[in-house]
Amino acid sequence: CEFLDALRDEHLPERAGRLGERLLDRLRRGLEGHPLVRAVRGRGLLVAIELGPKDADWLSRHAPGLVESVSRELLGHWISIRLLERGFLAQPASLRCNILRIEPPLTIEEPDLDLAADAIVDVVRDYKSLVPLAAHASLRLARQFMNGGAFR
């Protein structure tokens, strides 16, 4: 099969391992200690960022169901939208929308990988808690509604 030949001839599995470690390292260093990042994990170029408040802040203590719902239903989607606006494709996991899936192509070049990692870190750093994230998303949805559903 030509695909398997290309994998072998271009050493794509080894390359994916090396680049995946680079991506994980950049993301872990950039997001270390962030209050909405629970974990950064992966293998090769399949990387996941688990999002949600790590510590029990005032809102988490008084409305844990709301915090869990916003984390589970909005966080990964919103970060994905913000990344798409910057030209990077990511998506939440299908059954756990608070997990952001990062899956760059096996052929990605290091400078592009670094740009993607920087964009992810920048977008996630824009939000230190769920309140500004929910406010920003709500304003965007209201604006979209006022524009007749057009996403601008």
C-alpha atoms as a PDB file:
ATOM      1  CA  CYS A   1       0.000   0.000   0.000  1.00  0.00           C
ATOM      2  CA  GLU A   2       1.422   3.396  -0.980  1.00  0.00           C
ATOM      3  CA  PHE A   3       0.296   5.024   2.246  1.00  0.00           C
ATOM      4  CA  LEU A   4       2.212   2.555   4.378  1.00  0.00           C
ATOM      5  CA  ASP A   5       5.245   2.939   2.115  1.00  0.00           C
ATOM      6  CA  ALA A   6       5.129   6.721   2.576  1.00  0.00           C
ATOM      7  CA  LEU A   7       4.847   6.309   6.364  1.00  0.00           C
ATOM      8  CA  ARG A   8       7.929   4.115   6.384  1.00  0.00           C
ATOM      9  CA  ASP A   9       9.993   5.943   3.765  1.00  0.00           C
ATOM     10  CA  GLU A  10       9.412   9.394   5.256  1.00  0.00           C
ATOM     11  CA  HIS A  11       9.804   8.160   8.860  1.00  0.00           C
ATOM     12  CA  LEU A  12       6.478   9.776   9.770  1.00  0.00           C
ATOM     13  CA  PRO A  13       5.866   7.821  13.009  1.00  0.00           C
ATOM     14  CA  GLU A  14       9.279   8.836  14.393  1.00  0.00           C
ATOM     15  CA  ARG A  15       8.751  12.410  13.201  1.00  0.00           C
ATOM     16  CA  ALA A  16       5.297  12.502  14.836  1.00  0.00           C
ATOM     17  CA  GLY A  17       6.853  11.353  18.117  1.00  0.00           C
ATOM     18  CA  ARG A  18       9.545  14.016  18.017  1.00  0.00           C
ATOM     19  CA  LEU A  19       7.193  16.822  16.987  1.00  0.00           C
ATOM     20  CA  GLY A  20       4.562  15.654  19.480  1.00  0.00           C
ATOM     21  CA  GLU A  21       7.069  15.971  22.313  1.00  0.00           C
ATOM     22  CA  ARG A  22       7.916  19.470  21.081  1.00  0.00           C
ATOM     23  CA  LEU A  23       4.229  20.432  21.000  1.00  0.00           C
ATOM     24  CA  LEU A  24       3.524  18.937  24.430  1.00  0.00           C
ATOM     25  CA  ASP A  25       6.539  20.709  25.921  1.00  0.00           C
ATOM     26  CA  ARG A  26       5.534  24.104  24.488  1.00  0.00           C
ATOM     27  CA  LEU A  27       1.917  23.713  25.604  1.00  0.00           C
ATOM     28  CA  ARG A  28       2.816  22.477  29.086  1.00  0.00           C
ATOM     29  CA  ARG A  29       5.292  25.313  29.632  1.00  0.00           C
ATOM     30  CA  GLY A  30       2.912  27.918  28.215  1.00  0.00           C
ATOM     31  CA  LEU A  31      -0.139  26.744  30.155  1.00  0.00           C
ATOM     32  CA  GLU A  32       1.544  25.715  33.403  1.00  0.00           C
ATOM     33  CA  GLY A  33      -0.406  26.973  36.390  1.00  0.00           C
ATOM     34  CA  HIS A  34      -3.312  28.252  34.281  1.00  0.00           C
ATOM     35  CA  PRO A  35      -6.502  28.171  36.369  1.00  0.00           C
ATOM     36  CA  LEU A  36      -8.605  26.662  33.549  1.00  0.00           C
ATOM     37  CA  VAL A  37      -6.185  23.965  32.367  1.00  0.00           C
ATOM     38  CA  ARG A  38      -6.491  20.692  34.216  1.00  0.00           C
ATOM     39  CA  ALA A  39      -4.100  18.651  32.069  1.00  0.00           C
ATOM     40  CA  VAL A  40      -2.094  18.591  28.841  1.00  0.00           C
ATOM     41  CA  ARG A  41      -1.441  15.104  27.542  1.00  0.00           C
ATOM     42  CA  GLY A  42      -0.831  13.282  24.324  1.00  0.00           C
ATOM     43  CA  ARG A  43       1.083  10.816  22.276  1.00  0.00           C
ATOM     44  CA  GLY A  44       2.751  11.756  19.049  1.00  0.00           C
ATOM     45  CA  LEU A  45       0.809  14.504  17.347  1.00  0.00           C
ATOM     46  CA  LEU A  46      -2.460  13.592  19.081  1.00  0.00           C
ATOM     47  CA  VAL A  47      -2.673  16.057  21.949  1.00  0.00           C
ATOM     48  CA  ALA A  48      -5.480  16.856  24.370  1.00  0.00           C
ATOM     49  CA  ILE A  49      -5.926  19.815  26.674  1.00  0.00           C
ATOM     50  CA  GLU A  50      -8.422  19.163  29.453  1.00  0.00           C
ATOM     51  CA  LEU A  51     -10.130  22.435  30.316  1.00  0.00           C
ATOM     52  CA  GLY A  52     -12.059  23.479  33.387  1.00  0.00           C
ATOM     53  CA  PRO A  53     -11.453  25.203  36.694  1.00  0.00           C
ATOM     54  CA  LYS A  54      -8.861  23.441  38.826  1.00  0.00           C
ATOM     55  CA  ASP A  55      -9.563  25.251  42.059  1.00  0.00           C
ATOM     56  CA  ALA A  56     -12.803  25.886  43.873  1.00  0.00           C
ATOM     57  CA  ASP A  57     -13.346  29.616  43.441  1.00  0.00           C
ATOM     58  CA  TRP A  58     -16.396  31.492  44.674  1.00  0.00           C
ATOM     59  CA  LEU A  59     -18.529  30.503  41.686  1.00  0.00           C
ATOM     60  CA  SER A  60     -17.478  26.845  41.882  1.00  0.00           C
ATOM     61  CA  ARG A  61     -18.391  26.687  45.561  1.00  0.00           C
ATOM     62  CA  HIS A  62     -21.797  28.351  45.121  1.00  0.00           C
ATOM     63  CA  ALA A  63     -22.894  27.010  41.730  1.00  0.00           C
ATOM     64  CA  PRO A  64     -20.946  23.811  41.039  1.00  0.00           C
ATOM     65  CA  GLY A  65     -23.534  22.511  38.567  1.00  0.00           C
ATOM     66  CA  LEU A  66     -23.392  25.707  36.521  1.00  0.00           C
ATOM     67  CA  VAL A  67     -19.589  25.671  36.495  1.00  0.00           C
ATOM     68  CA  GLU A  68     -19.502  22.042  35.406  1.00  0.00           C
ATOM     69  CA  SER A  69     -22.101  22.659  32.701  1.00  0.00           C
ATOM     70  CA  VAL A  70     -20.286  25.703  31.300  1.00  0.00           C
ATOM     71  CA  SER A  71     -16.986  23.816  31.421  1.00  0.00           C
ATOM     72  CA  ARG A  72     -18.422  20.749  29.740  1.00  0.00           C
ATOM     73  CA  GLU A  73     -20.597  22.476  27.123  1.00  0.00           C
ATOM     74  CA  LEU A  74     -18.901  25.777  26.283  1.00  0.00           C
ATOM     75  CA  LEU A  75     -15.211  25.861  27.101  1.00  0.00           C
ATOM     76  CA  GLY A  76     -13.811  23.585  24.391  1.00  0.00           C
ATOM     77  CA  HIS A  77     -16.175  24.933  21.739  1.00  0.00           C
ATOM     78  CA  TRP A  78     -15.325  28.531  22.504  1.00  0.00           C
ATOM     79  CA  ILE A  79     -11.560  27.957  22.494  1.00  0.00           C
ATOM     80  CA  SER A  80     -11.966  26.078  19.186  1.00  0.00           C
ATOM     81  CA  ILE A  81     -13.833  29.024  17.650  1.00  0.00           C
ATOM     82  CA  ARG A  82     -11.211  31.483  18.844  1.00  0.00           C
ATOM     83  CA  LEU A  83      -8.451  29.303  17.363  1.00  0.00           C
ATOM     84  CA  LEU A  84     -10.313  28.989  14.062  1.00  0.00           C
ATOM     85  CA  GLU A  85     -10.493  32.791  13.898  1.00  0.00           C
ATOM     86  CA  ARG A  86      -6.701  32.783  14.133  1.00  0.00           C
ATOM     87  CA  GLY A  87      -6.389  30.189  11.365  1.00  0.00           C
ATOM     88  CA  PHE A  88      -5.873  27.046  13.462  1.00  0.00           C
ATOM     89  CA  LEU A  89      -8.171  24.047  13.488  1.00  0.00           C
ATOM     90  CA  ALA A  90      -8.894  22.293  16.769  1.00  0.00           C
ATOM     91  CA  GLN A  91     -12.046  20.751  18.115  1.00  0.00           C
ATOM     92  CA  PRO A  92     -13.491  19.511  21.355  1.00  0.00           C
ATOM     93  CA  ALA A  93     -13.650  15.783  21.949  1.00  0.00           C
ATOM     94  CA  SER A  94     -16.962  14.340  20.781  1.00  0.00           C
ATOM     95  CA  LEU A  95     -18.267  13.222  24.153  1.00  0.00           C
ATOM     96  CA  ARG A  96     -16.261  15.512  26.452  1.00  0.00           C
ATOM     97  CA  CYS A  97     -16.398  19.033  25.075  1.00  0.00           C
ATOM     98  CA  ASN A  98     -14.105  20.325  27.813  1.00  0.00           C
ATOM     99  CA  ILE A  99     -11.254  18.412  26.176  1.00  0.00           C
ATOM    100  CA  LEU A 100      -9.678  20.246  23.280  1.00  0.00           C
ATOM    101  CA  ARG A 101      -8.215  17.922  20.637  1.00  0.00           C
ATOM    102  CA  ILE A 102      -5.110  19.106  18.826  1.00  0.00           C
ATOM    103  CA  GLU A 103      -4.256  16.975  15.781  1.00  0.00           C
ATOM    104  CA  PRO A 104      -1.796  18.655  13.428  1.00  0.00           C
ATOM    105  CA  PRO A 105      -0.950  16.811  10.214  1.00  0.00           C
ATOM    106  CA  LEU A 106       1.970  14.389  10.237  1.00  0.00           C
ATOM    107  CA  THR A 107       3.702  16.583   7.670  1.00  0.00           C
ATOM    108  CA  ILE A 108       3.569  19.817   9.687  1.00  0.00           C
ATOM    109  CA  GLU A 109       6.802  21.802   9.752  1.00  0.00           C
ATOM    110  CA  GLU A 110       8.343  22.913  13.058  1.00  0.00           C
ATOM    111  CA  PRO A 111       7.752  26.663  12.522  1.00  0.00           C
ATOM    112  CA  ASP A 112       4.047  25.989  11.838  1.00  0.00           C
ATOM    113  CA  LEU A 113       3.840  23.732  14.874  1.00  0.00           C
ATOM    114  CA  ASP A 114       5.356  26.484  17.016  1.00  0.00           C
ATOM    115  CA  LEU A 115       2.875  29.028  15.629  1.00  0.00           C
ATOM    116  CA  ALA A 116      -0.005  26.694  16.472  1.00  0.00           C
ATOM    117  CA  ALA A 117       1.282  26.109  20.015  1.00  0.00           C
ATOM    118  CA  ASP A 118       1.703  29.860  20.544  1.00  0.00           C
ATOM    119  CA  ALA A 119      -1.837  30.525  19.264  1.00  0.00           C
ATOM    120  CA  ILE A 120      -3.309  27.899  21.601  1.00  0.00           C
ATOM    121  CA  VAL A 121      -1.453  29.315  24.578  1.00  0.00           C
ATOM    122  CA  ASP A 122      -2.478  32.890  23.692  1.00  0.00           C
ATOM    123  CA  VAL A 123      -6.159  32.037  23.275  1.00  0.00           C
ATOM    124  CA  VAL A 124      -6.356  30.016  26.492  1.00  0.00           C
ATOM    125  CA  ARG A 125      -4.480  32.737  28.399  1.00  0.00           C
ATOM    126  CA  ASP A 126      -7.172  35.240  27.353  1.00  0.00           C
ATOM    127  CA  TYR A 127      -9.424  33.643  29.972  1.00  0.00           C
ATOM    128  CA  LYS A 128      -8.440  33.222  33.593  1.00  0.00           C
ATOM    129  CA  SER A 129     -11.921  32.125  34.682  1.00  0.00           C
ATOM    130  CA  LEU A 130     -15.242  31.034  33.223  1.00  0.00           C
ATOM    131  CA  VAL A 131     -16.993  34.350  33.870  1.00  0.00           C
ATOM    132  CA  PRO A 132     -15.194  36.437  31.204  1.00  0.00           C
ATOM    133  CA  LEU A 133     -15.287  33.499  28.801  1.00  0.00           C
ATOM    134  CA  ALA A 134     -19.056  33.078  29.209  1.00  0.00           C
ATOM    135  CA  ALA A 135     -19.543  36.838  28.905  1.00  0.00           C
ATOM    136  CA  HIS A 136     -17.471  37.022  25.719  1.00  0.00           C
ATOM    137  CA  ALA A 137     -19.291  34.047  24.178  1.00  0.00           C
ATOM    138  CA  SER A 138     -22.698  35.472  25.161  1.00  0.00           C
ATOM    139  CA  LEU A 139     -21.904  38.844  23.608  1.00  0.00           C
ATOM    140  CA  ARG A 140     -20.767  37.131  20.413  1.00  0.00           C
ATOM    141  CA  LEU A 141     -23.949  35.060  20.238  1.00  0.00           C
ATOM    142  CA  ALA A 142     -26.108  38.136  20.875  1.00  0.00           C
ATOM    143  CA  ARG A 143     -24.280  40.010  18.121  1.00  0.00           C
ATOM    144  CA  GLN A 144     -24.766  37.060  15.789  1.00  0.00           C
ATOM    145  CA  PHE A 145     -28.473  36.959  16.611  1.00  0.00           C
ATOM    146  CA  MET A 146     -28.794  40.712  15.942  1.00  0.00           C
ATOM    147  CA  ASN A 147     -27.064  40.178  12.565  1.00  0.00           C
ATOM    148  CA  GLY A 148     -29.704  37.695  11.495  1.00  0.00           C
ATOM    149  CA  GLY A 149     -27.546  34.693  12.334  1.00  0.00           C
ATOM    150  CA  ALA A 150     -24.504  35.815  10.347  1.00  0.00           C
ATOM    151  CA  PHE A 151     -21.278  34.857  12.068  1.00  0.00           C
ATOM    152  CA  ARG A 152     -19.039  37.931  11.924  1.00  0.00           C
END
